[in-house]
Amino acid sequence: MIRNIARNYFSEACNLYKRPIVTRKYKYPDELFDAHSYQKGGLILHMLRNYLGNDIFKESLREIP
């Protein structure tokens, strides 16, 4: 599943467009909630979880105000 999400994201990033997850450049507000941002955000969260380990990752989520 993660591989499919990554493949879809990178395909879109290479062939269509790239942008930061957070941006102030948009024509319509709903452009901020597209598959590109959700896939990229999900991949970054999985990367952090794998890098930190499950326990530290879960603890870090509790620390966010």
PDB file of N, CA and C in Angstrom:
ATOM      1  N   MET A   1       0.820  -1.193   0.000  1.00  0.00           N
ATOM      2  CA  MET A   1       0.000   0.000   0.000  1.00  0.00           C
ATOM      3  C   MET A   1       0.869   1.265   0.000  1.00  0.00           C
ATOM      4  N   ILE A   2       1.861   1.319   0.869  1.00  0.00           N
ATOM      5  CA  ILE A   2       2.742   2.488   0.921  1.00  0.00           C
ATOM      6  C   ILE A   2       3.464   2.657  -0.416  1.00  0.00           C
ATOM      7  N   ARG A   3       3.866   1.547  -0.998  1.00  0.00           N
ATOM      8  CA  ARG A   3       4.552   1.637  -2.293  1.00  0.00           C
ATOM      9  C   ARG A   3       3.638   2.217  -3.364  1.00  0.00           C
ATOM     10  N   ASN A   4       2.371   1.845  -3.341  1.00  0.00           N
ATOM     11  CA  ASN A   4       1.421   2.402  -4.313  1.00  0.00           C
ATOM     12  C   ASN A   4       1.246   3.901  -4.111  1.00  0.00           C
ATOM     13  N   ILE A   5       1.137   4.318  -2.865  1.00  0.00           N
ATOM     14  CA  ILE A   5       0.993   5.746  -2.565  1.00  0.00           C
ATOM     15  C   ILE A   5       2.237   6.495  -3.035  1.00  0.00           C
ATOM     16  N   ALA A   6       3.413   5.938  -2.732  1.00  0.00           N
ATOM     17  CA  ALA A   6       4.662   6.574  -3.150  1.00  0.00           C
ATOM     18  C   ALA A   6       4.761   6.633  -4.672  1.00  0.00           C
ATOM     19  N   ARG A   7       4.410   5.541  -5.326  1.00  0.00           N
ATOM     20  CA  ARG A   7       4.479   5.508  -6.787  1.00  0.00           C
ATOM     21  C   ARG A   7       3.544   6.558  -7.388  1.00  0.00           C
ATOM     22  N   ASN A   8       2.333   6.660  -6.861  1.00  0.00           N
ATOM     23  CA  ASN A   8       1.384   7.663  -7.359  1.00  0.00           C
ATOM     24  C   ASN A   8       1.882   9.077  -7.122  1.00  0.00           C
ATOM     25  N   TYR A   9       2.399   9.324  -5.928  1.00  0.00           N
ATOM     26  CA  TYR A   9       2.893  10.666  -5.619  1.00  0.00           C
ATOM     27  C   TYR A   9       4.055  11.043  -6.532  1.00  0.00           C
ATOM     28  N   PHE A  10       5.051  10.161  -6.643  1.00  0.00           N
ATOM     29  CA  PHE A  10       6.226  10.492  -7.443  1.00  0.00           C
ATOM     30  C   PHE A  10       5.891  10.608  -8.923  1.00  0.00           C
ATOM     31  N   SER A  11       4.933   9.826  -9.378  1.00  0.00           N
ATOM     32  CA  SER A  11       4.490   9.960 -10.771  1.00  0.00           C
ATOM     33  C   SER A  11       3.886  11.341 -11.003  1.00  0.00           C
ATOM     34  N   GLU A  12       3.029  11.756 -10.082  1.00  0.00           N
ATOM     35  CA  GLU A  12       2.418  13.082 -10.196  1.00  0.00           C
ATOM     36  C   GLU A  12       3.471  14.175 -10.072  1.00  0.00           C
ATOM     37  N   ALA A  13       4.406  14.010  -9.147  1.00  0.00           N
ATOM     38  CA  ALA A  13       5.444  15.022  -8.940  1.00  0.00           C
ATOM     39  C   ALA A  13       6.360  15.148 -10.158  1.00  0.00           C
ATOM     40  N   CYS A  14       6.642  14.044 -10.817  1.00  0.00           N
ATOM     41  CA  CYS A  14       7.524  14.086 -11.990  1.00  0.00           C
ATOM     42  C   CYS A  14       6.798  14.563 -13.242  1.00  0.00           C
ATOM     43  N   ASN A  15       5.546  14.191 -13.387  1.00  0.00           N
ATOM     44  CA  ASN A  15       4.834  14.456 -14.640  1.00  0.00           C
ATOM     45  C   ASN A  15       3.911  15.673 -14.615  1.00  0.00           C
ATOM     46  N   LEU A  16       3.397  16.028 -13.457  1.00  0.00           N
ATOM     47  CA  LEU A  16       2.419  17.126 -13.406  1.00  0.00           C
ATOM     48  C   LEU A  16       2.961  18.351 -12.678  1.00  0.00           C
ATOM     49  N   TYR A  17       3.152  18.230 -11.393  1.00  0.00           N
ATOM     50  CA  TYR A  17       3.624  19.379 -10.622  1.00  0.00           C
ATOM     51  C   TYR A  17       4.145  18.937  -9.268  1.00  0.00           C
ATOM     52  N   LYS A  18       4.936  19.814  -8.653  1.00  0.00           N
ATOM     53  CA  LYS A  18       5.415  19.649  -7.284  1.00  0.00           C
ATOM     54  C   LYS A  18       5.111  20.933  -6.543  1.00  0.00           C
ATOM     55  N   ARG A  19       4.851  20.811  -5.279  1.00  0.00           N
ATOM     56  CA  ARG A  19       4.670  21.981  -4.431  1.00  0.00           C
ATOM     57  C   ARG A  19       4.869  21.564  -2.988  1.00  0.00           C
ATOM     58  N   PRO A  20       5.173  22.514  -2.107  1.00  0.00           N
ATOM     59  CA  PRO A  20       5.282  22.194  -0.686  1.00  0.00           C
ATOM     60  C   PRO A  20       3.932  21.752  -0.134  1.00  0.00           C
ATOM     61  N   ILE A  21       3.948  21.062   0.981  1.00  0.00           N
ATOM     62  CA  ILE A  21       2.685  20.671   1.622  1.00  0.00           C
ATOM     63  C   ILE A  21       1.931  21.925   2.050  1.00  0.00           C
ATOM     64  N   VAL A  22       2.644  22.866   2.636  1.00  0.00           N
ATOM     65  CA  VAL A  22       2.037  24.124   3.059  1.00  0.00           C
ATOM     66  C   VAL A  22       2.435  25.200   2.062  1.00  0.00           C
ATOM     67  N   THR A  23       1.455  25.868   1.498  1.00  0.00           N
ATOM     68  CA  THR A  23       1.730  26.918   0.523  1.00  0.00           C
ATOM     69  C   THR A  23       0.659  27.995   0.595  1.00  0.00           C
ATOM     70  N   ARG A  24       1.012  29.176   0.175  1.00  0.00           N
ATOM     71  CA  ARG A  24       0.046  30.278   0.111  1.00  0.00           C
ATOM     72  C   ARG A  24      -0.293  30.608  -1.337  1.00  0.00           C
ATOM     73  N   LYS A  25       0.226  29.811  -2.252  1.00  0.00           N
ATOM     74  CA  LYS A  25      -0.020  30.055  -3.669  1.00  0.00           C
ATOM     75  C   LYS A  25      -1.100  29.098  -4.171  1.00  0.00           C
ATOM     76  N   TYR A  26      -2.281  29.598  -4.340  1.00  0.00           N
ATOM     77  CA  TYR A  26      -3.368  28.798  -4.861  1.00  0.00           C
ATOM     78  C   TYR A  26      -4.441  29.725  -5.412  1.00  0.00           C
ATOM     79  N   LYS A  27      -5.191  29.206  -6.333  1.00  0.00           N
ATOM     80  CA  LYS A  27      -6.279  29.978  -6.919  1.00  0.00           C
ATOM     81  C   LYS A  27      -7.563  29.779  -6.125  1.00  0.00           C
ATOM     82  N   TYR A  28      -7.828  28.537  -5.752  1.00  0.00           N
ATOM     83  CA  TYR A  28      -9.013  28.184  -4.972  1.00  0.00           C
ATOM     84  C   TYR A  28      -8.568  27.447  -3.710  1.00  0.00           C
ATOM     85  N   PRO A  29      -9.169  27.730  -2.556  1.00  0.00           N
ATOM     86  CA  PRO A  29      -8.737  27.098  -1.302  1.00  0.00           C
ATOM     87  C   PRO A  29      -8.751  25.569  -1.333  1.00  0.00           C
ATOM     88  N   ASP A  30      -9.680  24.966  -2.060  1.00  0.00           N
ATOM     89  CA  ASP A  30      -9.735  23.506  -2.064  1.00  0.00           C
ATOM     90  C   ASP A  30      -8.555  22.870  -2.797  1.00  0.00           C
ATOM     91  N   GLU A  31      -7.742  23.655  -3.476  1.00  0.00           N
ATOM     92  CA  GLU A  31      -6.530  23.134  -4.103  1.00  0.00           C
ATOM     93  C   GLU A  31      -5.532  22.637  -3.062  1.00  0.00           C
ATOM     94  N   LEU A  32      -5.659  23.119  -1.827  1.00  0.00           N
ATOM     95  CA  LEU A  32      -4.746  22.718  -0.766  1.00  0.00           C
ATOM     96  C   LEU A  32      -5.035  21.320  -0.243  1.00  0.00           C
ATOM     97  N   PHE A  33      -6.178  20.758  -0.582  1.00  0.00           N
ATOM     98  CA  PHE A  33      -6.589  19.456  -0.059  1.00  0.00           C
ATOM     99  C   PHE A  33      -6.699  18.426  -1.174  1.00  0.00           C
ATOM    100  N   ASP A  34      -5.669  18.368  -2.002  1.00  0.00           N
ATOM    101  CA  ASP A  34      -5.683  17.427  -3.111  1.00  0.00           C
ATOM    102  C   ASP A  34      -4.919  16.159  -2.743  1.00  0.00           C
ATOM    103  N   ALA A  35      -4.939  15.212  -3.635  1.00  0.00           N
ATOM    104  CA  ALA A  35      -4.238  13.951  -3.388  1.00  0.00           C
ATOM    105  C   ALA A  35      -2.743  14.180  -3.231  1.00  0.00           C
ATOM    106  N   HIS A  36      -2.213  15.165  -3.912  1.00  0.00           N
ATOM    107  CA  HIS A  36      -0.782  15.460  -3.838  1.00  0.00           C
ATOM    108  C   HIS A  36      -0.364  15.766  -2.395  1.00  0.00           C
ATOM    109  N   SER A  37      -1.089  16.638  -1.730  1.00  0.00           N
ATOM    110  CA  SER A  37      -0.697  17.012  -0.372  1.00  0.00           C
ATOM    111  C   SER A  37      -0.932  15.872   0.616  1.00  0.00           C
ATOM    112  N   TYR A  38      -2.010  15.120   0.479  1.00  0.00           N
ATOM    113  CA  TYR A  38      -2.268  14.013   1.392  1.00  0.00           C
ATOM    114  C   TYR A  38      -1.264  12.888   1.201  1.00  0.00           C
ATOM    115  N   GLN A  39      -0.946  12.559  -0.033  1.00  0.00           N
ATOM    116  CA  GLN A  39       0.043  11.506  -0.289  1.00  0.00           C
ATOM    117  C   GLN A  39       1.416  11.916   0.213  1.00  0.00           C
ATOM    118  N   LYS A  40       1.815  13.156  -0.071  1.00  0.00           N
ATOM    119  CA  LYS A  40       3.121  13.630   0.375  1.00  0.00           C
ATOM    120  C   LYS A  40       3.182  13.666   1.904  1.00  0.00           C
ATOM    121  N   GLY A  41       2.138  14.188   2.527  1.00  0.00           N
ATOM    122  CA  GLY A  41       2.104  14.242   3.989  1.00  0.00           C
ATOM    123  C   GLY A  41       2.160  12.860   4.611  1.00  0.00           C
ATOM    124  N   GLY A  42       1.406  11.924   4.051  1.00  0.00           N
ATOM    125  CA  GLY A  42       1.417  10.554   4.555  1.00  0.00           C
ATOM    126  C   GLY A  42       2.777   9.899   4.408  1.00  0.00           C
ATOM    127  N   LEU A  43       3.415  10.116   3.280  1.00  0.00           N
ATOM    128  CA  LEU A  43       4.748   9.544   3.076  1.00  0.00           C
ATOM    129  C   LEU A  43       5.763  10.130   4.051  1.00  0.00           C
ATOM    130  N   ILE A  44       5.664  11.416   4.322  1.00  0.00           N
ATOM    131  CA  ILE A  44       6.584  12.041   5.276  1.00  0.00           C
ATOM    132  C   ILE A  44       6.355  11.484   6.683  1.00  0.00           C
ATOM    133  N   LEU A  45       5.091  11.288   7.064  1.00  0.00           N
ATOM    134  CA  LEU A  45       4.814  10.706   8.379  1.00  0.00           C
ATOM    135  C   LEU A  45       5.350   9.281   8.489  1.00  0.00           C
ATOM    136  N   HIS A  46       5.181   8.483   7.457  1.00  0.00           N
ATOM    137  CA  HIS A  46       5.722   7.117   7.473  1.00  0.00           C
ATOM    138  C   HIS A  46       7.247   7.137   7.520  1.00  0.00           C
ATOM    139  N   MET A  47       7.871   8.069   6.812  1.00  0.00           N
ATOM    140  CA  MET A  47       9.322   8.191   6.835  1.00  0.00           C
ATOM    141  C   MET A  47       9.800   8.521   8.252  1.00  0.00           C
ATOM    142  N   LEU A  48       9.127   9.479   8.899  1.00  0.00           N
ATOM    143  CA  LEU A  48       9.506   9.848  10.269  1.00  0.00           C
ATOM    144  C   LEU A  48       9.307   8.688  11.237  1.00  0.00           C
ATOM    145  N   ARG A  49       8.202   7.969  11.079  1.00  0.00           N
ATOM    146  CA  ARG A  49       7.926   6.823  11.959  1.00  0.00           C
ATOM    147  C   ARG A  49       9.015   5.762  11.800  1.00  0.00           C
ATOM    148  N   ASN A  50       9.416   5.491  10.563  1.00  0.00           N
ATOM    149  CA  ASN A  50      10.468   4.498  10.333  1.00  0.00           C
ATOM    150  C   ASN A  50      11.814   4.977  10.846  1.00  0.00           C
ATOM    151  N   TYR A  51      12.081   6.261  10.733  1.00  0.00           N
ATOM    152  CA  TYR A  51      13.352   6.816  11.183  1.00  0.00           C
ATOM    153  C   TYR A  51      13.442   6.839  12.712  1.00  0.00           C
ATOM    154  N   LEU A  52      12.354   7.280  13.360  1.00  0.00           N
ATOM    155  CA  LEU A  52      12.351   7.427  14.815  1.00  0.00           C
ATOM    156  C   LEU A  52      12.032   6.135  15.550  1.00  0.00           C
ATOM    157  N   GLY A  53      11.249   5.270  14.927  1.00  0.00           N
ATOM    158  CA  GLY A  53      10.722   4.084  15.604  1.00  0.00           C
ATOM    159  C   GLY A  53       9.333   4.391  16.124  1.00  0.00           C
ATOM    160  N   ASN A  54       8.521   3.342  16.272  1.00  0.00           N
ATOM    161  CA  ASN A  54       7.114   3.530  16.647  1.00  0.00           C
ATOM    162  C   ASN A  54       6.926   4.226  17.995  1.00  0.00           C
ATOM    163  N   ASP A  55       7.687   3.805  18.997  1.00  0.00           N
ATOM    164  CA  ASP A  55       7.486   4.361  20.341  1.00  0.00           C
ATOM    165  C   ASP A  55       7.786   5.856  20.396  1.00  0.00           C
ATOM    166  N   ILE A  56       8.918   6.271  19.864  1.00  0.00           N
ATOM    167  CA  ILE A  56       9.287   7.691  19.889  1.00  0.00           C
ATOM    168  C   ILE A  56       8.343   8.498  19.010  1.00  0.00           C
ATOM    169  N   PHE A  57       7.964   7.935  17.864  1.00  0.00           N
ATOM    170  CA  PHE A  57       7.034   8.628  16.974  1.00  0.00           C
ATOM    171  C   PHE A  57       5.703   8.878  17.674  1.00  0.00           C
ATOM    172  N   LYS A  58       5.146   7.848  18.326  1.00  0.00           N
ATOM    173  CA  LYS A  58       3.868   8.011  19.028  1.00  0.00           C
ATOM    174  C   LYS A  58       3.985   9.008  20.184  1.00  0.00           C
ATOM    175  N   GLU A  59       5.092   8.958  20.884  1.00  0.00           N
ATOM    176  CA  GLU A  59       5.317   9.914  21.979  1.00  0.00           C
ATOM    177  C   GLU A  59       5.407  11.340  21.440  1.00  0.00           C
ATOM    178  N   SER A  60       6.053  11.507  20.294  1.00  0.00           N
ATOM    179  CA  SER A  60       6.182  12.841  19.716  1.00  0.00           C
ATOM    180  C   SER A  60       4.821  13.398  19.311  1.00  0.00           C
ATOM    181  N   LEU A  61       3.903  12.553  18.910  1.00  0.00           N
ATOM    182  CA  LEU A  61       2.555  13.029  18.560  1.00  0.00           C
ATOM    183  C   LEU A  61       1.816  13.552  19.775  1.00  0.00           C
ATOM    184  N   ARG A  62       2.109  12.979  20.937  1.00  0.00           N
ATOM    185  CA  ARG A  62       1.471  13.459  22.175  1.00  0.00           C
ATOM    186  C   ARG A  62       2.012  14.819  22.590  1.00  0.00           C
ATOM    187  N   GLU A  63       3.227  15.160  22.141  1.00  0.00           N
ATOM    188  CA  GLU A  63       3.882  16.408  22.536  1.00  0.00           C
ATOM    189  C   GLU A  63       3.422  17.603  21.717  1.00  0.00           C
ATOM    190  N   ILE A  64       2.737  17.375  20.614  1.00  0.00           N
ATOM    191  CA  ILE A  64       2.285  18.464  19.768  1.00  0.00           C
ATOM    192  C   ILE A  64       1.135  19.187  20.467  1.00  0.00           C
ATOM    193  N   PRO A  65       1.257  20.512  20.642  1.00  0.00           N
ATOM    194  CA  PRO A  65       0.184  21.243  21.354  1.00  0.00           C
ATOM    195  C   PRO A  65      -1.089  21.297  20.537  1.00  0.00           C
TER     196      PRO A  65
END
